[in-house]
């Protein structure tokens, strides 16, 4: 079975979960978002992904991240995030 991790980065929380091919949530975690600090927000994202990988390391085939804002897809860069100091 292949699994994926989805991460939702918001102004108050980073929520992440492991889902299977049918969209069933197998595990989920939340951390507070230190929205005023890009470095601490990055660390919160890394922490939830690392924690979820620990229980499913050999099965995760993809990780996706979502956040409200404007993205330059050609440069893979967040241009504006209304809830974060990015």
N, C-alpha and C. Protein backbone atom coordinates (compact mmCIF):
# COMPACT_ATOMS: atom_id res chain seq x y z
N UNK A 1 0.85 -1.18 0.00
CA UNK A 1 0.00 0.00 0.00
C UNK A 1 0.89 1.24 0.00
N UNK A 2 0.60 2.17 -0.90
CA UNK A 2 1.33 3.43 -0.91
C UNK A 2 0.52 4.50 -0.19
N UNK A 3 1.24 5.39 0.49
CA UNK A 3 0.62 6.42 1.30
C UNK A 3 1.19 7.78 0.94
N UNK A 4 0.47 8.82 1.32
CA UNK A 4 0.93 10.19 1.11
C UNK A 4 0.71 10.99 2.38
N UNK A 5 1.49 12.05 2.52
CA UNK A 5 1.32 12.99 3.62
C UNK A 5 0.82 14.30 3.03
N UNK A 6 -0.24 14.83 3.61
CA UNK A 6 -0.75 16.14 3.23
C UNK A 6 -0.55 17.10 4.38
N UNK A 7 -0.09 18.32 4.07
CA UNK A 7 0.17 19.32 5.10
C UNK A 7 -0.59 20.59 4.76
N UNK A 8 -1.36 21.10 5.72
CA UNK A 8 -2.10 22.36 5.57
C UNK A 8 -1.47 23.37 6.51
N UNK A 9 -0.87 24.42 5.94
CA UNK A 9 -0.21 25.45 6.74
C UNK A 9 -1.15 26.65 6.83
N UNK A 10 -1.62 26.91 8.03
CA UNK A 10 -2.51 28.04 8.25
C UNK A 10 -1.90 29.04 9.21
N UNK A 11 -2.59 30.12 9.43
CA UNK A 11 -2.09 31.16 10.31
C UNK A 11 -2.07 30.78 11.78
N UNK A 12 -2.85 29.77 12.18
CA UNK A 12 -2.87 29.36 13.58
C UNK A 12 -2.36 27.94 13.82
N UNK A 13 -2.42 27.09 12.77
CA UNK A 13 -1.96 25.72 12.97
C UNK A 13 -1.40 25.12 11.69
N UNK A 14 -0.50 24.17 11.89
CA UNK A 14 -0.01 23.30 10.82
C UNK A 14 -0.68 21.95 11.08
N UNK A 15 -1.53 21.53 10.16
CA UNK A 15 -2.23 20.25 10.30
C UNK A 15 -1.73 19.33 9.19
N UNK A 16 -1.45 18.09 9.56
CA UNK A 16 -0.92 17.13 8.58
C UNK A 16 -1.51 15.76 8.84
N UNK A 17 -1.55 14.96 7.78
CA UNK A 17 -2.08 13.62 7.93
C UNK A 17 -1.50 12.67 6.90
N UNK A 18 -1.59 11.40 7.23
CA UNK A 18 -1.20 10.33 6.31
C UNK A 18 -2.50 9.77 5.73
N UNK A 19 -2.55 9.67 4.40
CA UNK A 19 -3.74 9.12 3.74
C UNK A 19 -3.34 7.97 2.83
N UNK A 20 -4.29 7.06 2.65
CA UNK A 20 -4.04 5.94 1.73
C UNK A 20 -4.58 6.28 0.34
N UNK A 21 -4.50 5.32 -0.57
CA UNK A 21 -4.92 5.54 -1.95
C UNK A 21 -6.40 5.87 -2.10
N UNK A 22 -7.20 5.49 -1.10
CA UNK A 22 -8.64 5.76 -1.14
C UNK A 22 -9.02 7.01 -0.36
N UNK A 23 -8.02 7.74 0.13
CA UNK A 23 -8.29 8.98 0.86
C UNK A 23 -8.60 8.79 2.32
N UNK A 24 -8.45 7.59 2.83
CA UNK A 24 -8.69 7.35 4.26
C UNK A 24 -7.54 7.93 5.07
N UNK A 25 -7.89 8.66 6.12
CA UNK A 25 -6.87 9.24 6.99
C UNK A 25 -6.42 8.18 7.99
N UNK A 26 -5.12 7.89 7.97
CA UNK A 26 -4.57 6.86 8.84
C UNK A 26 -3.91 7.45 10.08
N UNK A 27 -3.46 8.69 9.99
CA UNK A 27 -2.81 9.36 11.13
C UNK A 27 -2.90 10.85 10.88
N UNK A 28 -2.95 11.63 11.95
CA UNK A 28 -2.94 13.08 11.79
C UNK A 28 -2.29 13.75 13.00
N UNK A 29 -1.73 14.92 12.74
CA UNK A 29 -1.04 15.71 13.77
C UNK A 29 -1.34 17.18 13.56
N UNK A 30 -1.22 17.95 14.64
CA UNK A 30 -1.34 19.41 14.56
C UNK A 30 -0.25 20.04 15.40
N UNK A 31 0.22 21.18 14.94
CA UNK A 31 1.15 22.01 15.70
C UNK A 31 0.69 23.45 15.56
N UNK A 32 0.96 24.27 16.54
CA UNK A 32 0.68 25.69 16.42
C UNK A 32 1.61 26.29 15.38
N UNK A 33 1.10 27.26 14.62
CA UNK A 33 1.93 27.96 13.64
C UNK A 33 2.49 29.22 14.28
N UNK A 34 3.80 29.32 14.38
CA UNK A 34 4.42 30.57 14.82
C UNK A 34 4.47 31.52 13.62
N UNK A 35 3.30 32.05 13.25
CA UNK A 35 3.10 32.73 11.97
C UNK A 35 4.02 33.92 11.74
N UNK A 36 4.52 34.54 12.80
CA UNK A 36 5.39 35.72 12.64
C UNK A 36 6.83 35.34 12.34
N UNK A 37 7.16 34.05 12.42
CA UNK A 37 8.54 33.62 12.21
C UNK A 37 8.61 32.58 11.10
N UNK A 38 9.10 32.94 9.91
CA UNK A 38 9.22 31.97 8.84
C UNK A 38 10.07 30.75 9.22
N UNK A 39 11.15 30.97 9.94
CA UNK A 39 12.03 29.85 10.32
C UNK A 39 11.32 28.89 11.27
N UNK A 40 10.57 29.42 12.22
CA UNK A 40 9.85 28.56 13.17
C UNK A 40 8.66 27.87 12.50
N UNK A 41 8.03 28.55 11.53
CA UNK A 41 6.95 27.91 10.77
C UNK A 41 7.51 26.76 9.96
N UNK A 42 8.65 26.98 9.32
CA UNK A 42 9.32 25.91 8.57
C UNK A 42 9.62 24.73 9.48
N UNK A 43 10.09 25.01 10.68
CA UNK A 43 10.41 23.92 11.62
C UNK A 43 9.15 23.17 12.04
N UNK A 44 8.04 23.87 12.25
CA UNK A 44 6.78 23.21 12.61
C UNK A 44 6.33 22.26 11.49
N UNK A 45 6.49 22.70 10.24
CA UNK A 45 6.15 21.85 9.10
C UNK A 45 7.05 20.62 9.07
N UNK A 46 8.34 20.84 9.21
CA UNK A 46 9.30 19.73 9.20
C UNK A 46 9.02 18.75 10.34
N UNK A 47 8.64 19.27 11.50
CA UNK A 47 8.37 18.41 12.66
C UNK A 47 7.18 17.48 12.41
N UNK A 48 6.06 18.01 11.87
CA UNK A 48 4.91 17.13 11.65
C UNK A 48 5.20 16.10 10.57
N UNK A 49 5.92 16.50 9.53
CA UNK A 49 6.26 15.54 8.47
C UNK A 49 7.19 14.45 9.02
N UNK A 50 8.20 14.86 9.78
CA UNK A 50 9.13 13.89 10.36
C UNK A 50 8.41 12.91 11.28
N UNK A 51 7.52 13.43 12.12
CA UNK A 51 6.77 12.56 13.04
C UNK A 51 5.88 11.58 12.28
N UNK A 52 5.23 12.03 11.21
CA UNK A 52 4.38 11.13 10.44
C UNK A 52 5.19 10.12 9.63
N UNK A 53 6.34 10.54 9.12
CA UNK A 53 7.21 9.60 8.40
C UNK A 53 7.69 8.47 9.30
N UNK A 54 7.93 8.76 10.56
CA UNK A 54 8.48 7.76 11.48
C UNK A 54 7.62 6.51 11.54
N UNK A 55 6.32 6.67 11.47
CA UNK A 55 5.43 5.51 11.56
C UNK A 55 5.13 4.84 10.23
N UNK A 56 5.51 5.49 9.12
CA UNK A 56 5.14 4.97 7.80
C UNK A 56 6.26 5.13 6.78
N UNK A 57 7.49 5.16 7.22
CA UNK A 57 8.62 5.54 6.38
C UNK A 57 8.69 4.82 5.03
N UNK A 58 8.52 3.54 5.00
CA UNK A 58 8.69 2.79 3.75
C UNK A 58 7.47 2.83 2.84
N UNK A 59 6.39 3.46 3.29
CA UNK A 59 5.16 3.47 2.50
C UNK A 59 4.83 4.84 1.90
N UNK A 60 5.43 5.90 2.38
CA UNK A 60 5.13 7.25 1.89
C UNK A 60 5.76 7.46 0.52
N UNK A 61 4.94 7.81 -0.47
CA UNK A 61 5.45 8.05 -1.82
C UNK A 61 5.34 9.50 -2.24
N UNK A 62 4.61 10.31 -1.47
CA UNK A 62 4.45 11.72 -1.84
C UNK A 62 4.13 12.55 -0.61
N UNK A 63 4.52 13.81 -0.65
CA UNK A 63 4.18 14.78 0.39
C UNK A 63 3.69 16.03 -0.32
N UNK A 64 2.52 16.52 0.07
CA UNK A 64 1.97 17.74 -0.51
C UNK A 64 1.77 18.78 0.57
N UNK A 65 1.90 20.04 0.18
CA UNK A 65 1.77 21.13 1.12
C UNK A 65 0.84 22.18 0.54
N UNK A 66 -0.08 22.68 1.36
CA UNK A 66 -0.99 23.72 0.92
C UNK A 66 -0.98 24.88 1.91
N UNK A 67 -1.11 26.08 1.37
CA UNK A 67 -1.21 27.29 2.19
C UNK A 67 -1.96 28.33 1.38
N UNK A 68 -2.73 29.17 2.05
CA UNK A 68 -3.44 30.24 1.36
C UNK A 68 -2.43 31.26 0.86
N UNK A 69 -2.63 31.73 -0.36
CA UNK A 69 -1.75 32.76 -0.88
C UNK A 69 -1.56 32.68 -2.37
N UNK A 70 -0.57 33.40 -2.85
CA UNK A 70 -0.26 33.48 -4.26
C UNK A 70 1.10 32.81 -4.50
N UNK A 71 1.14 31.88 -5.46
CA UNK A 71 2.35 31.14 -5.76
C UNK A 71 2.77 31.42 -7.20
N UNK A 72 4.06 31.60 -7.40
CA UNK A 72 4.63 31.66 -8.75
C UNK A 72 5.04 30.24 -9.08
N UNK A 73 4.21 29.54 -9.86
CA UNK A 73 4.48 28.13 -10.13
C UNK A 73 5.74 27.91 -10.96
N UNK A 74 6.07 28.85 -11.82
CA UNK A 74 7.28 28.72 -12.63
C UNK A 74 8.53 28.73 -11.76
N UNK A 75 8.52 29.51 -10.70
CA UNK A 75 9.67 29.59 -9.80
C UNK A 75 9.48 28.77 -8.53
N UNK A 76 8.30 28.14 -8.38
CA UNK A 76 7.98 27.37 -7.18
C UNK A 76 8.21 28.19 -5.92
N UNK A 77 7.66 29.42 -5.94
CA UNK A 77 7.88 30.36 -4.85
C UNK A 77 6.56 30.96 -4.38
N UNK A 78 6.41 31.05 -3.07
CA UNK A 78 5.25 31.73 -2.49
C UNK A 78 5.50 33.23 -2.58
N UNK A 79 4.61 33.95 -3.26
CA UNK A 79 4.76 35.40 -3.42
C UNK A 79 4.07 36.17 -2.30
N UNK A 80 2.95 35.63 -1.82
CA UNK A 80 2.19 36.30 -0.77
C UNK A 80 1.39 35.27 -0.01
N UNK A 81 1.46 35.32 1.31
CA UNK A 81 0.66 34.45 2.17
C UNK A 81 0.00 35.35 3.22
N UNK A 82 -1.31 35.55 3.13
CA UNK A 82 -1.99 36.51 4.00
C UNK A 82 -1.90 36.18 5.49
N UNK A 83 -1.73 34.91 5.83
CA UNK A 83 -1.73 34.50 7.23
C UNK A 83 -0.35 34.22 7.80
N UNK A 84 0.68 34.38 6.98
CA UNK A 84 2.04 34.02 7.39
C UNK A 84 3.02 35.13 7.03
N UNK A 85 4.13 35.16 7.70
CA UNK A 85 5.17 36.16 7.42
C UNK A 85 6.14 35.64 6.36
N UNK A 86 5.58 35.08 5.28
CA UNK A 86 6.42 34.55 4.21
C UNK A 86 6.58 35.60 3.13
